[in-house]
Amino acid sequence: EEQTQGKSRQWRKKLKKVNQQIVLLEEAHQKLSEVYPQGEDAESRWIMTVLGYWLKLVLGFVTTVTSFLLIVHVILYIIIAPPQAEFLNKIFVDLDGVFPLFGVASFAIFCFYMVAITVKGCAKFGLNLLVIDVHPMKPNGTLMSSFLFNVALILLSTQAVIQFCAQAFAVYAEATEVQNIFGNKIENLWGLSYLYHENVFIYAFLGVVGMATLSYLPGASCVVRK
């Protein structure tokens, strides 16, 4: 029985590695098709590819600024005690003063951004380290099981994002039910209060951010995959 379990474990490990190689090959084929388009509409496809890369550059800049603002806010408002500045909280409140929708929209952008980077990070983490099964999402090529996996991942990460927002944006979320549940009740539960009061989850968040940043350095992903 132990031998059977060992073989089954090895088989699953090899299967994950094969799935990883398949995903990498499909990505390489997709990039090759984009760089060297074939067919009658090759010129138009090439123009769309160039525009797509420019759009990715703009989105990359926007997400980099968003991540930087989020990290600075966590350091100034949570890590340093007492808080040195309300930062994003004050920005959201000031935007509400200009027009109520502006503050809510800005707050929602940061919340949805954290959910999106969680899904992206789990996919990259699973692809490189073979810890979880790879469930890529791509147009006209996504299995129903991948949809269900990513939906479950979003549902799980949403709870963590709500807790983080209740703590990081406590000024903006003041006197709300979310702040009452996550800020007053859950943070004072026996066994969890120490983790919240010592910012264990926040330090873990910053640690993951640091490792993710290192993984995006030139040549880092190649080393991890090897």
C-alpha atoms as a PDB file:
ATOM      1  CA  GLU A   1       0.000   0.000   0.000  1.00  0.00           C
ATOM      2  CA  GLU A   2       2.863   2.402   0.844  1.00  0.00           C
ATOM      3  CA  GLN A   3       4.509   1.614  -2.493  1.00  0.00           C
ATOM      4  CA  THR A   4       1.225   2.303  -4.276  1.00  0.00           C
ATOM      5  CA  GLN A   5       0.838   5.640  -2.511  1.00  0.00           C
ATOM      6  CA  GLY A   6       4.454   6.533  -3.344  1.00  0.00           C
ATOM      7  CA  LYS A   7       3.940   5.707  -7.017  1.00  0.00           C
ATOM      8  CA  SER A   8       0.688   7.663  -7.067  1.00  0.00           C
ATOM      9  CA  ARG A   9       2.439  10.665  -5.524  1.00  0.00           C
ATOM     10  CA  GLN A  10       5.245  10.478  -8.085  1.00  0.00           C
ATOM     11  CA  TRP A  11       2.721  10.124 -10.892  1.00  0.00           C
ATOM     12  CA  ARG A  12       0.844  13.262  -9.781  1.00  0.00           C
ATOM     13  CA  LYS A  13       4.113  15.179  -9.524  1.00  0.00           C
ATOM     14  CA  LYS A  14       5.127  14.138 -13.033  1.00  0.00           C
ATOM     15  CA  LEU A  15       1.660  15.004 -14.340  1.00  0.00           C
ATOM     16  CA  LYS A  16       1.927  18.520 -12.882  1.00  0.00           C
ATOM     17  CA  LYS A  17       5.313  18.936 -14.504  1.00  0.00           C
ATOM     18  CA  VAL A  18       3.924  17.809 -17.874  1.00  0.00           C
ATOM     19  CA  ASN A  19       1.027  20.270 -17.520  1.00  0.00           C
ATOM     20  CA  GLN A  20       3.540  23.006 -16.750  1.00  0.00           C
ATOM     21  CA  GLN A  21       5.528  22.214 -19.897  1.00  0.00           C
ATOM     22  CA  ILE A  22       2.326  22.180 -21.981  1.00  0.00           C
ATOM     23  CA  VAL A  23       1.343  25.622 -20.702  1.00  0.00           C
ATOM     24  CA  LEU A  24       4.826  26.987 -21.402  1.00  0.00           C
ATOM     25  CA  LEU A  25       4.774  25.539 -24.934  1.00  0.00           C
ATOM     26  CA  GLU A  26       1.355  27.044 -25.606  1.00  0.00           C
ATOM     27  CA  GLU A  27       2.575  30.431 -24.370  1.00  0.00           C
ATOM     28  CA  ALA A  28       5.673  30.203 -26.574  1.00  0.00           C
ATOM     29  CA  HIS A  29       3.526  29.249 -29.591  1.00  0.00           C
ATOM     30  CA  GLN A  30       1.161  32.150 -28.920  1.00  0.00           C
ATOM     31  CA  LYS A  31       4.027  34.639 -28.693  1.00  0.00           C
ATOM     32  CA  LEU A  32       5.594  33.244 -31.860  1.00  0.00           C
ATOM     33  CA  SER A  33       2.285  33.588 -33.711  1.00  0.00           C
ATOM     34  CA  GLU A  34       2.007  37.188 -32.539  1.00  0.00           C
ATOM     35  CA  VAL A  35       5.539  38.137 -33.630  1.00  0.00           C
ATOM     36  CA  TYR A  36       5.351  36.285 -36.968  1.00  0.00           C
ATOM     37  CA  PRO A  37       1.692  36.446 -38.081  1.00  0.00           C
ATOM     38  CA  GLN A  38       0.704  34.324 -41.053  1.00  0.00           C
ATOM     39  CA  GLY A  39      -2.163  34.491 -43.519  1.00  0.00           C
ATOM     40  CA  GLU A  40      -3.890  37.159 -45.555  1.00  0.00           C
ATOM     41  CA  ASP A  41      -4.573  39.413 -42.558  1.00  0.00           C
ATOM     42  CA  ALA A  42      -0.982  39.232 -41.276  1.00  0.00           C
ATOM     43  CA  GLU A  43      -0.455  42.989 -41.525  1.00  0.00           C
ATOM     44  CA  SER A  44      -3.597  43.882 -39.560  1.00  0.00           C
ATOM     45  CA  ARG A  45      -2.805  41.249 -36.947  1.00  0.00           C
ATOM     46  CA  TRP A  46       0.685  42.708 -36.577  1.00  0.00           C
ATOM     47  CA  ILE A  47      -0.782  46.192 -36.031  1.00  0.00           C
ATOM     48  CA  MET A  48      -3.125  44.820 -33.359  1.00  0.00           C
ATOM     49  CA  THR A  49      -0.190  43.035 -31.701  1.00  0.00           C
ATOM     50  CA  VAL A  50       1.812  46.272 -31.533  1.00  0.00           C
ATOM     51  CA  LEU A  51      -1.175  48.168 -30.126  1.00  0.00           C
ATOM     52  CA  GLY A  52      -1.720  45.375 -27.619  1.00  0.00           C
ATOM     53  CA  TYR A  53       1.838  45.630 -26.352  1.00  0.00           C
ATOM     54  CA  TRP A  54       1.516  49.406 -26.006  1.00  0.00           C
ATOM     55  CA  LEU A  55      -1.678  48.869 -24.030  1.00  0.00           C
ATOM     56  CA  LYS A  56       0.116  46.353 -21.795  1.00  0.00           C
ATOM     57  CA  LEU A  57       2.870  48.925 -21.230  1.00  0.00           C
ATOM     58  CA  VAL A  58       0.337  51.526 -20.101  1.00  0.00           C
ATOM     59  CA  LEU A  59      -1.473  49.020 -17.862  1.00  0.00           C
ATOM     60  CA  GLY A  60       1.868  47.901 -16.442  1.00  0.00           C
ATOM     61  CA  PHE A  61       2.712  51.475 -15.510  1.00  0.00           C
ATOM     62  CA  VAL A  62      -0.723  52.002 -13.918  1.00  0.00           C
ATOM     63  CA  THR A  63      -0.539  48.784 -11.897  1.00  0.00           C
ATOM     64  CA  THR A  64       3.017  49.592 -10.777  1.00  0.00           C
ATOM     65  CA  VAL A  65       1.875  52.983  -9.465  1.00  0.00           C
ATOM     66  CA  THR A  66      -1.148  51.352  -7.793  1.00  0.00           C
ATOM     67  CA  SER A  67       1.045  48.759  -6.082  1.00  0.00           C
ATOM     68  CA  PHE A  68       3.502  51.435  -4.948  1.00  0.00           C
ATOM     69  CA  LEU A  69       0.722  53.557  -3.442  1.00  0.00           C
ATOM     70  CA  LEU A  70      -0.717  50.514  -1.682  1.00  0.00           C
ATOM     71  CA  ILE A  71       2.625  49.510  -0.158  1.00  0.00           C
ATOM     72  CA  VAL A  72       3.358  53.072   0.979  1.00  0.00           C
ATOM     73  CA  HIS A  73      -0.101  53.268   2.540  1.00  0.00           C
ATOM     74  CA  VAL A  74       0.391  49.991   4.435  1.00  0.00           C
ATOM     75  CA  ILE A  75       3.727  51.174   5.801  1.00  0.00           C
ATOM     76  CA  LEU A  76       2.531  54.649   6.822  1.00  0.00           C
ATOM     77  CA  TYR A  77      -0.863  53.663   8.182  1.00  0.00           C
ATOM     78  CA  ILE A  78      -0.452  50.122   9.586  1.00  0.00           C
ATOM     79  CA  ILE A  79       3.199  49.170  10.106  1.00  0.00           C
ATOM     80  CA  ILE A  80       4.289  52.413  11.770  1.00  0.00           C
ATOM     81  CA  ALA A  81       2.546  52.968  15.096  1.00  0.00           C
ATOM     82  CA  PRO A  82       0.990  55.410  15.624  1.00  0.00           C
ATOM     83  CA  PRO A  83      -0.018  55.960  11.975  1.00  0.00           C
ATOM     84  CA  GLN A  84       2.039  58.684  10.317  1.00  0.00           C
ATOM     85  CA  ALA A  85      -0.591  59.570   7.708  1.00  0.00           C
ATOM     86  CA  GLU A  86      -4.040  58.522   6.574  1.00  0.00           C
ATOM     87  CA  PHE A  87      -2.801  58.719   2.963  1.00  0.00           C
ATOM     88  CA  LEU A  88      -5.261  56.736   0.776  1.00  0.00           C
ATOM     89  CA  ASN A  89      -7.987  57.116   3.388  1.00  0.00           C
ATOM     90  CA  LYS A  90      -7.720  60.885   3.112  1.00  0.00           C
ATOM     91  CA  ILE A  91      -7.616  60.705  -0.690  1.00  0.00           C
ATOM     92  CA  PHE A  92     -10.844  58.663  -0.771  1.00  0.00           C
ATOM     93  CA  VAL A  93     -12.562  61.048   1.665  1.00  0.00           C
ATOM     94  CA  ASP A  94     -11.429  64.094  -0.324  1.00  0.00           C
ATOM     95  CA  LEU A  95     -12.672  62.509  -3.558  1.00  0.00           C
ATOM     96  CA  ASP A  96     -16.044  61.903  -1.897  1.00  0.00           C
ATOM     97  CA  GLY A  97     -16.098  65.604  -1.100  1.00  0.00           C
ATOM     98  CA  VAL A  98     -15.688  66.436  -4.782  1.00  0.00           C
ATOM     99  CA  PHE A  99     -18.269  63.881  -5.969  1.00  0.00           C
ATOM    100  CA  PRO A 100     -19.423  60.846  -3.942  1.00  0.00           C
ATOM    101  CA  LEU A 101     -18.887  58.417  -6.808  1.00  0.00           C
ATOM    102  CA  PHE A 102     -15.191  59.328  -7.184  1.00  0.00           C
ATOM    103  CA  GLY A 103     -14.226  58.079  -3.726  1.00  0.00           C
ATOM    104  CA  VAL A 104     -16.256  54.872  -4.018  1.00  0.00           C
ATOM    105  CA  ALA A 105     -14.856  54.169  -7.496  1.00  0.00           C
ATOM    106  CA  SER A 106     -11.262  54.719  -6.340  1.00  0.00           C
ATOM    107  CA  PHE A 107     -11.818  52.488  -3.316  1.00  0.00           C
ATOM    108  CA  ALA A 108     -13.371  49.788  -5.555  1.00  0.00           C
ATOM    109  CA  ILE A 109     -10.421  49.961  -7.963  1.00  0.00           C
ATOM    110  CA  PHE A 110      -7.974  49.143  -5.168  1.00  0.00           C
ATOM    111  CA  CYS A 111     -10.193  46.314  -3.877  1.00  0.00           C
ATOM    112  CA  PHE A 112     -10.676  44.677  -7.283  1.00  0.00           C
ATOM    113  CA  TYR A 113      -6.989  45.180  -8.055  1.00  0.00           C
ATOM    114  CA  MET A 114      -6.009  43.149  -4.991  1.00  0.00           C
ATOM    115  CA  VAL A 115      -8.347  40.313  -6.006  1.00  0.00           C
ATOM    116  CA  ALA A 116      -6.944  40.350  -9.550  1.00  0.00           C
ATOM    117  CA  ILE A 117      -3.305  40.217  -8.449  1.00  0.00           C
ATOM    118  CA  THR A 118      -4.154  37.361  -6.067  1.00  0.00           C
ATOM    119  CA  VAL A 119      -5.497  35.250  -8.933  1.00  0.00           C
ATOM    120  CA  LYS A 120      -2.547  36.191 -11.132  1.00  0.00           C
ATOM    121  CA  GLY A 121      -0.074  35.437  -8.351  1.00  0.00           C
ATOM    122  CA  CYS A 122      -1.575  32.011  -7.629  1.00  0.00           C
ATOM    123  CA  ALA A 123      -1.376  31.098 -11.327  1.00  0.00           C
ATOM    124  CA  LYS A 124       2.266  32.209 -11.534  1.00  0.00           C
ATOM    125  CA  PHE A 125       3.128  30.533  -8.227  1.00  0.00           C
ATOM    126  CA  GLY A 126       1.586  27.230  -9.292  1.00  0.00           C
ATOM    127  CA  LEU A 127       3.194  27.367 -12.724  1.00  0.00           C
ATOM    128  CA  ASN A 128       6.713  27.976 -11.424  1.00  0.00           C
ATOM    129  CA  LEU A 129       6.827  25.872  -8.248  1.00  0.00           C
ATOM    130  CA  LEU A 130       4.300  23.107  -9.070  1.00  0.00           C
ATOM    131  CA  VAL A 131       2.581  23.633  -5.724  1.00  0.00           C
ATOM    132  CA  ILE A 132      -0.959  23.847  -7.082  1.00  0.00           C
ATOM    133  CA  ASP A 133      -2.499  22.703 -10.345  1.00  0.00           C
ATOM    134  CA  VAL A 134      -2.202  25.140 -13.228  1.00  0.00           C
ATOM    135  CA  HIS A 135      -5.551  26.555 -14.359  1.00  0.00           C
ATOM    136  CA  PRO A 136      -4.796  29.187 -17.015  1.00  0.00           C
ATOM    137  CA  MET A 137      -7.537  31.413 -18.384  1.00  0.00           C
ATOM    138  CA  LYS A 138      -7.351  32.208 -22.089  1.00  0.00           C
ATOM    139  CA  PRO A 139      -9.859  33.176 -24.789  1.00  0.00           C
ATOM    140  CA  ASN A 140     -11.562  30.216 -26.478  1.00  0.00           C
ATOM    141  CA  GLY A 141      -9.403  27.755 -24.570  1.00  0.00           C
ATOM    142  CA  THR A 142     -10.556  27.641 -20.944  1.00  0.00           C
ATOM    143  CA  LEU A 143     -11.941  24.426 -19.472  1.00  0.00           C
ATOM    144  CA  MET A 144     -14.946  24.448 -17.167  1.00  0.00           C
ATOM    145  CA  SER A 145     -12.783  23.026 -14.378  1.00  0.00           C
ATOM    146  CA  SER A 146     -10.452  26.023 -14.755  1.00  0.00           C
ATOM    147  CA  PHE A 147     -13.408  28.387 -14.527  1.00  0.00           C
ATOM    148  CA  LEU A 148     -14.605  26.691 -11.325  1.00  0.00           C
ATOM    149  CA  PHE A 149     -11.100  26.709  -9.825  1.00  0.00           C
ATOM    150  CA  ASN A 150     -10.609  30.415 -10.494  1.00  0.00           C
ATOM    151  CA  VAL A 151     -14.094  31.257  -9.198  1.00  0.00           C
ATOM    152  CA  ALA A 152     -13.317  29.372  -5.971  1.00  0.00           C
ATOM    153  CA  LEU A 153      -9.980  31.196  -5.777  1.00  0.00           C
ATOM    154  CA  ILE A 154     -11.722  34.562  -6.153  1.00  0.00           C
ATOM    155  CA  LEU A 155     -14.264  33.675  -3.456  1.00  0.00           C
ATOM    156  CA  LEU A 156     -11.493  32.665  -1.040  1.00  0.00           C
ATOM    157  CA  SER A 157      -9.351  35.714  -1.747  1.00  0.00           C
ATOM    158  CA  THR A 158     -12.335  38.063  -1.417  1.00  0.00           C
ATOM    159  CA  GLN A 159     -12.594  37.353   2.312  1.00  0.00           C
ATOM    160  CA  ALA A 160      -8.928  38.207   2.812  1.00  0.00           C
ATOM    161  CA  VAL A 161      -9.290  41.375   0.717  1.00  0.00           C
ATOM    162  CA  ILE A 162     -12.318  42.491   2.768  1.00  0.00           C
ATOM    163  CA  GLN A 163     -10.391  41.976   6.001  1.00  0.00           C
ATOM    164  CA  PHE A 164      -7.396  43.848   4.609  1.00  0.00           C
ATOM    165  CA  CYS A 165      -9.542  46.753   3.405  1.00  0.00           C
ATOM    166  CA  ALA A 166     -11.316  46.963   6.767  1.00  0.00           C
ATOM    167  CA  GLN A 167      -7.922  47.348   8.443  1.00  0.00           C
ATOM    168  CA  ALA A 168      -6.051  49.428   5.864  1.00  0.00           C
ATOM    169  CA  PHE A 169      -8.954  51.757   5.030  1.00  0.00           C
ATOM    170  CA  ALA A 170     -10.495  51.941   8.488  1.00  0.00           C
ATOM    171  CA  VAL A 171     -10.983  55.716   8.294  1.00  0.00           C
ATOM    172  CA  TYR A 172     -12.880  55.546   5.015  1.00  0.00           C
ATOM    173  CA  ALA A 173     -14.870  52.467   6.108  1.00  0.00           C
ATOM    174  CA  GLU A 174     -15.718  53.946   9.506  1.00  0.00           C
ATOM    175  CA  ALA A 175     -19.233  53.244  10.841  1.00  0.00           C
ATOM    176  CA  THR A 176     -19.912  50.536   8.234  1.00  0.00           C
ATOM    177  CA  GLU A 177     -21.009  46.946   8.832  1.00  0.00           C
ATOM    178  CA  VAL A 178     -17.752  45.666   7.317  1.00  0.00           C
ATOM    179  CA  GLN A 179     -15.753  47.682   9.826  1.00  0.00           C
ATOM    180  CA  ASN A 180     -17.996  46.462  12.645  1.00  0.00           C
ATOM    181  CA  ILE A 181     -17.584  42.784  11.680  1.00  0.00           C
ATOM    182  CA  PHE A 182     -13.923  42.675  10.646  1.00  0.00           C
ATOM    183  CA  GLY A 183     -12.643  45.590  12.708  1.00  0.00           C
ATOM    184  CA  ASN A 184     -14.414  45.028  16.007  1.00  0.00           C
ATOM    185  CA  LYS A 185     -15.566  41.421  16.191  1.00  0.00           C
ATOM    186  CA  ILE A 186     -13.210  39.199  14.217  1.00  0.00           C
ATOM    187  CA  GLU A 187     -10.049  41.072  15.267  1.00  0.00           C
ATOM    188  CA  ASN A 188     -10.948  40.446  18.922  1.00  0.00           C
ATOM    189  CA  LEU A 189     -11.720  36.737  18.654  1.00  0.00           C
ATOM    190  CA  TRP A 190      -9.746  34.510  20.998  1.00  0.00           C
ATOM    191  CA  GLY A 191      -6.771  33.035  19.191  1.00  0.00           C
ATOM    192  CA  LEU A 192      -6.889  35.543  16.345  1.00  0.00           C
ATOM    193  CA  SER A 193      -6.563  38.814  18.214  1.00  0.00           C
ATOM    194  CA  TYR A 194      -2.793  38.363  18.673  1.00  0.00           C
ATOM    195  CA  LEU A 195      -2.293  37.817  14.933  1.00  0.00           C
ATOM    196  CA  TYR A 196      -4.264  40.945  14.098  1.00  0.00           C
ATOM    197  CA  HIS A 197      -2.775  43.186  16.769  1.00  0.00           C
ATOM    198  CA  GLU A 198       0.782  42.171  15.866  1.00  0.00           C
ATOM    199  CA  ASN A 199       0.056  42.635  12.142  1.00  0.00           C
ATOM    200  CA  VAL A 200       1.154  39.094  11.325  1.00  0.00           C
ATOM    201  CA  PHE A 201      -1.009  38.986   8.200  1.00  0.00           C
ATOM    202  CA  ILE A 202       0.305  42.369   7.040  1.00  0.00           C
ATOM    203  CA  TYR A 203       3.929  41.253   7.421  1.00  0.00           C
ATOM    204  CA  ALA A 204       3.093  38.063   5.510  1.00  0.00           C
ATOM    205  CA  PHE A 205       1.523  40.218   2.802  1.00  0.00           C
ATOM    206  CA  LEU A 206       4.648  42.366   2.536  1.00  0.00           C
ATOM    207  CA  GLY A 207       6.804  39.234   2.439  1.00  0.00           C
ATOM    208  CA  VAL A 208       4.812  37.822  -0.475  1.00  0.00           C
ATOM    209  CA  VAL A 209       5.061  41.191  -2.238  1.00  0.00           C
ATOM    210  CA  GLY A 210       8.839  41.112  -1.814  1.00  0.00           C
ATOM    211  CA  MET A 211       9.145  37.589  -3.201  1.00  0.00           C
ATOM    212  CA  ALA A 212       6.847  38.434  -6.102  1.00  0.00           C
ATOM    213  CA  THR A 213       8.964  41.480  -6.912  1.00  0.00           C
ATOM    214  CA  LEU A 214      12.115  39.337  -6.940  1.00  0.00           C
ATOM    215  CA  SER A 215      10.422  36.805  -9.223  1.00  0.00           C
ATOM    216  CA  TYR A 216       9.869  39.511 -11.844  1.00  0.00           C
ATOM    217  CA  LEU A 217      13.535  40.475 -11.983  1.00  0.00           C
ATOM    218  CA  PRO A 218      15.325  39.591 -15.252  1.00  0.00           C
ATOM    219  CA  GLY A 219      16.209  35.892 -15.308  1.00  0.00           C
ATOM    220  CA  ALA A 220      14.489  35.110 -12.004  1.00  0.00           C
ATOM    221  CA  SER A 221      11.549  33.209 -13.512  1.00  0.00           C
ATOM    222  CA  CYS A 222      13.906  31.098 -15.637  1.00  0.00           C
ATOM    223  CA  VAL A 223      15.874  30.081 -12.548  1.00  0.00           C
ATOM    224  CA  VAL A 224      12.688  29.166 -10.645  1.00  0.00           C
ATOM    225  CA  ARG A 225      11.341  27.065 -13.515  1.00  0.00           C
ATOM    226  CA  LYS A 226      14.590  25.161 -13.822  1.00  0.00           C
END
